[in-house]
Amino acid sequence: MDLHQITKVAFSQVVALARAVDEHGGVADVARIADDVEMDLDGIGPVVAAAEFLGVLTVDEGDLRLTDFGRKLIKASVRERKAMLREFMKDLPAFRYVIQLIQTSGRPATRQEVTQALAVHFGSHQVEDLFRALVYWGRASELIAYDSRSELLTLRKPGVPMPPAH
């Protein structure tokens, strides 16, 4: 399990896809959903892959089927969604590494430390995409924060607003 499935997708797209499938009773053909959300199959493919990766839906012979987790996700408040996403993200190797690095060192992790680790585990050709995904999904789940000026990643306390930028 890694971040490759979600590097080019936003969480809002996954939630919108889940809602569209729910409107069809929880099961729908991917082509019909693509038409409903006005996307071609190439465009919806990464969103479907991300939703499946996150456990929001399953894919079987072209049918998208909402999971119990997916149903809970679309009924949840924004805060509850972030908490659900945070629990999932904490189990991914890239996030576990960053959390452990910050906790054991007692300081924020640098962009360089994280990208070097990603390169070792996933190959250097996708490091930038993976780092951006780590930052995006870390922010979306309120798991980590990233300051682009200092290039430091820190752990977030859920529900505590980010300090204003300087």
Protein backbone atom coordinates (compact mmCIF):
# COMPACT_ATOMS: atom_id res chain seq x y z
CA MET A 1 0.00 0.00 0.00
CA ASP A 2 1.54 3.31 -1.08
CA LEU A 3 0.70 6.81 -2.24
CA HIS A 4 0.95 6.10 -5.99
CA GLN A 5 -2.83 5.60 -6.28
CA ILE A 6 -3.61 9.04 -4.88
CA THR A 7 -0.86 11.29 -6.22
CA LYS A 8 -3.05 13.11 -8.75
CA VAL A 9 -6.45 13.10 -7.00
CA ALA A 10 -8.12 15.40 -4.49
CA PHE A 11 -10.13 14.09 -1.53
CA SER A 12 -13.14 16.14 -2.71
CA GLN A 13 -13.11 14.15 -5.98
CA VAL A 14 -13.26 10.87 -4.05
CA VAL A 15 -16.18 12.14 -1.94
CA ALA A 16 -18.00 13.40 -5.07
CA LEU A 17 -17.53 10.02 -6.76
CA ALA A 18 -18.89 8.23 -3.68
CA ARG A 19 -21.93 10.53 -3.66
CA ALA A 20 -22.56 9.86 -7.36
CA VAL A 21 -22.45 6.08 -6.79
CA ASP A 22 -24.73 6.47 -3.76
CA GLU A 23 -27.28 8.33 -5.91
CA HIS A 24 -27.51 5.15 -8.01
CA GLY A 25 -28.28 3.01 -4.98
CA GLY A 26 -24.68 2.23 -4.09
CA VAL A 27 -23.80 0.32 -7.29
CA ALA A 28 -23.27 1.82 -10.73
CA ASP A 29 -21.44 1.26 -13.98
CA VAL A 30 -18.28 3.36 -14.17
CA ALA A 31 -19.24 4.69 -17.63
CA ARG A 32 -22.59 5.90 -16.33
CA ILE A 33 -20.94 7.63 -13.36
CA ALA A 34 -18.36 9.19 -15.68
CA ASP A 35 -21.21 10.58 -17.76
CA ASP A 36 -23.04 11.83 -14.64
CA VAL A 37 -19.99 13.72 -13.39
CA GLU A 38 -19.08 14.87 -16.92
CA MET A 39 -15.70 13.15 -17.09
CA ASP A 40 -14.30 10.81 -19.69
CA LEU A 41 -13.16 7.35 -18.62
CA ASP A 42 -9.50 8.39 -18.71
CA GLY A 43 -10.25 11.29 -16.38
CA ILE A 44 -12.33 9.33 -13.90
CA GLY A 45 -9.88 6.40 -13.79
CA PRO A 46 -7.47 7.93 -11.25
CA VAL A 47 -10.40 9.02 -9.04
CA VAL A 48 -11.82 5.48 -9.11
CA ALA A 49 -8.37 4.04 -8.32
CA ALA A 50 -7.96 6.46 -5.39
CA ALA A 51 -11.44 5.70 -4.05
CA GLU A 52 -10.74 1.98 -4.25
CA PHE A 53 -7.32 2.45 -2.61
CA LEU A 54 -8.94 4.40 0.25
CA GLY A 55 -11.59 1.70 0.72
CA VAL A 56 -14.47 3.96 -0.32
CA LEU A 57 -15.64 1.64 -3.09
CA THR A 58 -14.82 -1.59 -4.86
CA VAL A 59 -14.60 -2.17 -8.59
CA ASP A 60 -15.88 -5.38 -10.15
CA GLU A 61 -16.20 -5.82 -13.93
CA GLY A 62 -16.83 -2.12 -14.52
CA ASP A 63 -19.27 -1.70 -11.63
CA LEU A 64 -18.48 0.63 -8.77
CA ARG A 65 -19.84 -0.56 -5.42
CA LEU A 66 -19.88 1.72 -2.40
CA THR A 67 -18.39 0.11 0.73
CA ASP A 68 -19.67 0.57 4.28
CA PHE A 69 -16.72 2.91 4.81
CA GLY A 70 -17.80 4.88 1.71
CA ARG A 71 -21.36 5.19 3.02
CA LYS A 72 -20.08 6.41 6.37
CA LEU A 73 -17.78 8.87 4.63
CA ILE A 74 -20.49 10.59 2.61
CA LYS A 75 -22.79 10.84 5.64
CA ALA A 76 -20.05 12.21 7.90
CA SER A 77 -19.38 15.84 8.70
CA VAL A 78 -16.23 17.44 7.33
CA ARG A 79 -14.52 16.99 10.70
CA GLU A 80 -15.53 13.32 10.86
CA ARG A 81 -14.28 12.78 7.29
CA LYS A 82 -10.91 14.22 8.21
CA ALA A 83 -10.73 11.93 11.23
CA MET A 84 -11.61 8.89 9.08
CA LEU A 85 -9.01 9.87 6.51
CA ARG A 86 -6.40 10.52 9.21
CA GLU A 87 -6.84 7.01 10.64
CA PHE A 88 -6.33 5.52 7.19
CA MET A 89 -3.31 7.69 6.34
CA LYS A 90 -1.51 6.89 9.60
CA ASP A 91 -1.17 3.28 8.42
CA LEU A 92 0.52 4.11 5.10
CA PRO A 93 4.29 3.52 5.11
CA ALA A 94 5.19 7.03 3.93
CA PHE A 95 3.12 8.65 6.68
CA ARG A 96 4.37 6.20 9.31
CA TYR A 97 7.93 7.11 8.33
CA VAL A 98 7.32 10.88 8.64
CA ILE A 99 5.48 10.48 11.95
CA GLN A 100 8.25 8.29 13.35
CA LEU A 101 10.97 10.64 12.08
CA ILE A 102 9.36 13.64 13.76
CA GLN A 103 8.53 11.82 16.99
CA THR A 104 11.93 10.16 17.44
CA SER A 105 13.96 13.24 16.50
CA GLY A 106 11.80 15.61 18.52
CA ARG A 107 11.90 18.12 15.66
CA PRO A 108 10.19 18.78 12.33
CA ALA A 109 11.29 16.70 9.34
CA THR A 110 12.95 18.51 6.46
CA ARG A 111 11.75 18.20 2.89
CA GLN A 112 15.17 16.77 2.00
CA GLU A 113 14.96 14.02 4.65
CA VAL A 114 11.51 13.00 3.46
CA THR A 115 12.28 13.09 -0.27
CA GLN A 116 15.45 11.05 0.26
CA ALA A 117 13.45 8.40 2.12
CA LEU A 118 10.77 8.38 -0.59
CA ALA A 119 13.46 7.95 -3.25
CA VAL A 120 14.89 4.95 -1.42
CA HIS A 121 11.49 3.27 -1.02
CA PHE A 122 9.71 4.27 -4.24
CA GLY A 123 12.43 5.33 -6.70
CA SER A 124 13.66 8.80 -7.49
CA HIS A 125 11.58 9.25 -10.66
CA GLN A 126 8.34 9.84 -8.70
CA VAL A 127 9.67 11.58 -5.61
CA GLU A 128 8.16 14.99 -6.35
CA ASP A 129 4.69 13.57 -7.07
CA LEU A 130 4.84 11.45 -3.93
CA PHE A 131 6.05 14.34 -1.79
CA ARG A 132 3.23 16.59 -3.08
CA ALA A 133 0.73 13.79 -2.37
CA LEU A 134 2.14 13.33 1.13
CA VAL A 135 1.76 17.05 1.82
CA TYR A 136 -1.72 17.31 0.22
CA TRP A 137 -3.18 14.24 1.95
CA GLY A 138 -1.37 15.08 5.19
CA ARG A 139 -3.03 18.48 5.19
CA ALA A 140 -6.42 17.10 4.10
CA SER A 141 -6.38 14.63 7.00
CA GLU A 142 -4.89 17.15 9.46
CA LEU A 143 -2.12 14.64 10.11
CA ILE A 144 0.86 16.74 9.07
CA ALA A 145 1.57 20.35 8.21
CA TYR A 146 4.10 21.63 5.72
CA ASP A 147 5.67 25.08 5.68
CA SER A 148 6.87 25.73 2.13
CA ARG A 149 9.16 28.58 3.23
CA SER A 150 11.14 26.60 5.77
CA GLU A 151 10.45 23.29 3.97
CA LEU A 152 9.59 21.62 7.28
CA LEU A 153 6.95 18.99 8.00
CA THR A 154 5.39 18.88 11.46
CA LEU A 155 2.70 16.80 13.12
CA ARG A 156 -0.69 18.47 13.42
CA LYS A 157 -3.11 18.34 16.29
CA PRO A 158 -6.52 17.62 14.73
CA GLY A 159 -8.97 20.50 14.93
CA VAL A 160 -6.30 23.05 15.87
CA PRO A 161 -6.08 25.75 13.20
CA MET A 162 -2.79 26.32 11.40
CA PRO A 163 -0.93 29.46 12.48
CA PRO A 164 -1.09 32.31 9.95
CA ALA A 165 1.68 32.53 7.36
CA HIS A 166 4.32 35.14 7.98
